[in-house]
Structure formats: C-alpha cells, structure tokens
Amino acid sequence: MTSDAARRIDSTATVHRAWAADLDPRTLYELMRLRVDVFVVEQESAYAELDGRDLEDRARHFWLAGGGRPPAVLGTLRLLKEPNGEYRIGRLCTAKEARGRGLGKRLMEAVLAETGDRPSVLDSQEHLVDFYAGFGYRATGEPYDWDGVAHVPMRRG
C-alpha cells in the first residue's frame, strides 16, 4: 500500500456500530470475512470463528469502513453482554493493509465510549496485552492456548 493510500485510509475511515438485528447481510458478511481472513487464514488457527454469538439480541458490532465503493471494512470488533451483566469485548481485528494506523485504537475508544466504566472482560492475544492495558485492562489469569494462539484473560472495571 502506498503512503498516499494509507493516508486516505486514516482520513476516510468511519466508525460504525449496529445491533446484530440491524446489520444488513452484506455488512455482516464483510465483518465475518475479515475476521476469518485474520484469525483463521492469516494466523493459521482453524477454529470455530462462527460461534453463534454474532446474532444474539445483545450483540453489538463496531467496524471501520473507508475507501472505495462500497466502502471496505478495515477493522471490526464485537461487543457482547454476558448473562451476569458484564460486557465482553472480542473479535477485534484490522485488515492487514490497514494496520499500524491506529484503527484498533479507534475501535476500542468507540466501544469504551459505549460501555463507560461498567465492567468488561476480554481475552487478549498474548502479544496484545500492553495494547489493552493502555485502556485500563489488567490480566486476571495466566496465558492459555486457544486453538494454537496464546491468550490472556483481562478485565476492566
């Protein structure tokens, strides 16, 4: 990607959010395709990416889109509400060509603007623990293997 194209991603990427029931099929497909591209293909982790939670009544999807027609999905994040009332943040990823531009940070800022100071949990890939710590998350357990990728449970609030 040229630096001009990278700058356009920075300036045109817009944060969107929608409840699962309000997502149009094309957008849902693009969100899931990005997640599969990153977590299953790129990270070579054959796991059940489609876990049945994307369409829950209390599932909210955040994504960044920009550039092109239709706008390309550049990053995504899923927010779930657990039965105990806590929020669960997960499935944060950005397209390979859009990384290093602060898009993951923008998604986290958007989701935390919604959850506020209410408790939330996530399972960070081990190499991203410091990224999440920058948002006030702390490790609550030891690293564990999740289908070949080391993860750390984390909590905020």
Protein backbone atom coordinates (compact mmCIF):
# COMPACT_ATOMS: atom_id res chain seq x y z
CA MET A 1 0.00 0.00 0.00
CA THR A 2 1.38 3.40 -0.91
CA SER A 3 1.70 6.07 1.74
CA ASP A 4 -0.96 8.13 -0.09
CA ALA A 5 -3.38 5.19 0.08
CA ALA A 6 -2.55 4.69 3.76
CA ARG A 7 -3.26 8.37 4.48
CA ARG A 8 -6.63 8.05 2.71
CA ILE A 9 -7.49 5.12 4.99
CA ASP A 10 -6.70 7.26 8.01
CA SER A 11 -8.76 10.21 6.85
CA THR A 12 -11.76 8.40 5.37
CA ALA A 13 -12.27 5.51 7.78
CA THR A 14 -15.51 5.96 9.68
CA VAL A 15 -16.55 4.09 12.83
CA HIS A 16 -19.94 2.40 12.51
CA ARG A 17 -21.93 0.38 15.01
CA ALA A 18 -25.10 -1.64 14.86
CA TRP A 19 -27.07 -4.14 16.87
CA ALA A 20 -26.93 -7.59 15.33
CA ALA A 21 -30.59 -7.39 14.25
CA ASP A 22 -29.93 -4.13 12.41
CA LEU A 23 -26.97 -5.33 10.34
CA ASP A 24 -27.62 -5.79 6.67
CA PRO A 25 -26.46 -9.17 5.32
CA ARG A 26 -23.66 -7.67 3.18
CA THR A 27 -22.10 -5.83 6.14
CA LEU A 28 -22.35 -8.87 8.41
CA TYR A 29 -20.70 -10.95 5.69
CA GLU A 30 -17.85 -8.43 5.31
CA LEU A 31 -17.27 -8.32 9.09
CA MET A 32 -17.12 -12.10 9.30
CA ARG A 33 -14.96 -12.37 6.19
CA LEU A 34 -12.39 -10.00 7.71
CA ARG A 35 -12.37 -12.00 10.95
CA VAL A 36 -11.88 -15.28 9.10
CA ASP A 37 -9.14 -13.72 6.94
CA VAL A 38 -7.26 -12.58 10.05
CA PHE A 39 -7.94 -15.18 12.73
CA VAL A 40 -8.32 -18.37 10.68
CA VAL A 41 -6.29 -17.82 7.49
CA GLU A 42 -3.55 -15.35 8.44
CA GLN A 43 -2.97 -16.70 11.94
CA GLU A 44 -3.38 -20.27 10.72
CA SER A 45 -5.78 -21.12 13.54
CA ALA A 46 -8.52 -23.47 12.43
CA TYR A 47 -11.21 -22.75 14.99
CA ALA A 48 -14.95 -22.11 15.05
CA GLU A 49 -14.94 -18.39 14.23
CA LEU A 50 -18.70 -18.51 13.76
CA ASP A 51 -19.52 -19.24 17.39
CA GLY A 52 -23.24 -18.49 17.38
CA ARG A 53 -22.93 -15.22 19.31
CA ASP A 54 -22.87 -12.73 16.44
CA LEU A 55 -26.66 -12.69 16.15
CA GLU A 56 -27.52 -12.57 19.86
CA ASP A 57 -30.06 -9.89 20.77
CA ARG A 58 -27.48 -8.04 22.85
CA ALA A 59 -24.60 -8.35 20.35
CA ARG A 60 -23.34 -5.04 19.01
CA HIS A 61 -20.88 -4.83 16.12
CA PHE A 62 -18.43 -2.00 15.56
CA TRP A 63 -16.46 -1.55 12.37
CA LEU A 64 -14.36 0.92 10.46
CA ALA A 65 -15.08 1.38 6.79
CA GLY A 66 -13.47 3.59 4.22
CA GLY A 67 -12.19 3.88 0.70
CA GLY A 68 -13.91 2.52 -2.37
CA ARG A 69 -17.47 1.72 -3.30
CA PRO A 70 -18.85 0.06 -1.33
CA PRO A 71 -16.54 1.18 1.48
CA ALA A 72 -14.09 -1.54 2.52
CA VAL A 73 -14.31 -2.92 6.05
CA LEU A 74 -10.91 -2.10 7.55
CA GLY A 75 -11.47 -3.28 11.11
CA THR A 76 -14.09 -4.80 13.35
CA LEU A 77 -14.90 -5.51 16.99
CA ARG A 78 -17.77 -7.31 18.70
CA LEU A 79 -19.39 -6.29 21.98
CA LEU A 80 -21.48 -8.84 23.86
CA LYS A 81 -23.48 -8.55 27.05
CA GLU A 82 -22.96 -11.59 29.25
CA PRO A 83 -25.77 -13.10 31.35
CA ASN A 84 -24.13 -11.69 34.51
CA GLY A 85 -24.35 -8.14 33.07
CA GLU A 86 -20.69 -7.74 32.19
CA TYR A 87 -19.63 -6.71 28.75
CA ARG A 88 -17.37 -8.94 26.67
CA ILE A 89 -15.20 -7.35 24.01
CA GLY A 90 -13.84 -9.60 21.33
CA ARG A 91 -13.01 -10.31 17.72
CA LEU A 92 -11.02 -7.05 17.35
CA CYS A 93 -9.03 -7.15 14.14
CA THR A 94 -7.90 -4.92 11.31
CA ALA A 95 -7.19 -5.69 7.68
CA LYS A 96 -3.54 -6.45 7.05
CA GLU A 97 -3.12 -3.50 4.69
CA ALA A 98 -4.61 -1.08 7.25
CA ARG A 99 -2.53 -2.00 10.30
CA GLY A 100 -0.31 0.43 12.14
CA ARG A 101 -2.72 3.32 11.55
CA GLY A 102 -4.44 3.40 14.96
CA LEU A 103 -7.64 1.80 13.70
CA GLY A 104 -7.77 -0.77 16.52
CA LYS A 105 -7.40 2.08 18.99
CA ARG A 106 -10.30 3.92 17.36
CA LEU A 107 -12.49 0.83 17.66
CA MET A 108 -11.60 0.39 21.33
CA GLU A 109 -12.30 4.06 22.04
CA ALA A 110 -15.71 3.71 20.37
CA VAL A 111 -16.69 0.62 22.34
CA LEU A 112 -15.46 2.06 25.64
CA ALA A 113 -17.44 5.24 24.98
CA GLU A 114 -20.48 2.99 24.95
CA THR A 115 -19.65 0.78 27.94
CA GLY A 116 -18.28 3.60 30.07
CA ASP A 117 -16.97 2.49 33.47
CA ARG A 118 -19.10 -0.65 33.57
CA PRO A 119 -17.09 -3.87 33.96
CA SER A 120 -15.88 -5.55 30.80
CA VAL A 121 -13.75 -8.57 30.03
CA LEU A 122 -11.79 -9.79 27.05
CA ASP A 123 -9.34 -12.48 26.05
CA SER A 124 -6.27 -10.79 24.60
CA GLN A 125 -3.82 -12.47 22.31
CA GLU A 126 -0.68 -12.54 24.42
CA HIS A 127 1.25 -10.09 22.23
CA LEU A 128 -1.55 -7.50 22.59
CA VAL A 129 -1.72 -7.38 26.41
CA ASP A 130 0.03 -3.99 26.53
CA PHE A 131 -2.36 -2.60 23.92
CA TYR A 132 -5.37 -3.45 26.11
CA ALA A 133 -3.57 -2.36 29.28
CA GLY A 134 -3.46 1.09 27.69
CA PHE A 135 -7.27 1.12 28.02
CA GLY A 136 -7.23 0.10 31.68
CA TYR A 137 -7.45 -3.69 31.31
CA ARG A 138 -5.43 -5.92 33.62
CA ALA A 139 -4.58 -9.57 33.32
CA THR A 140 -6.74 -11.78 35.53
CA GLY A 141 -5.07 -15.10 34.83
CA GLU A 142 -2.22 -16.90 33.21
CA PRO A 143 -1.79 -17.24 29.44
CA TYR A 144 -3.65 -20.16 27.92
CA ASP A 145 -3.78 -21.78 24.49
CA TRP A 146 -6.85 -21.06 22.39
CA ASP A 147 -6.58 -23.17 19.26
CA GLY A 148 -2.86 -22.61 18.90
CA VAL A 149 -2.77 -18.92 19.87
CA ALA A 150 -1.71 -17.80 23.37
CA HIS A 151 -4.37 -15.65 25.07
CA VAL A 152 -4.59 -13.84 28.42
CA PRO A 153 -7.89 -13.16 30.24
CA MET A 154 -8.26 -9.46 31.08
CA ARG A 155 -10.71 -7.24 32.94
CA ARG A 156 -11.52 -3.55 33.23
CA GLY A 157 -13.66 -2.05 35.98
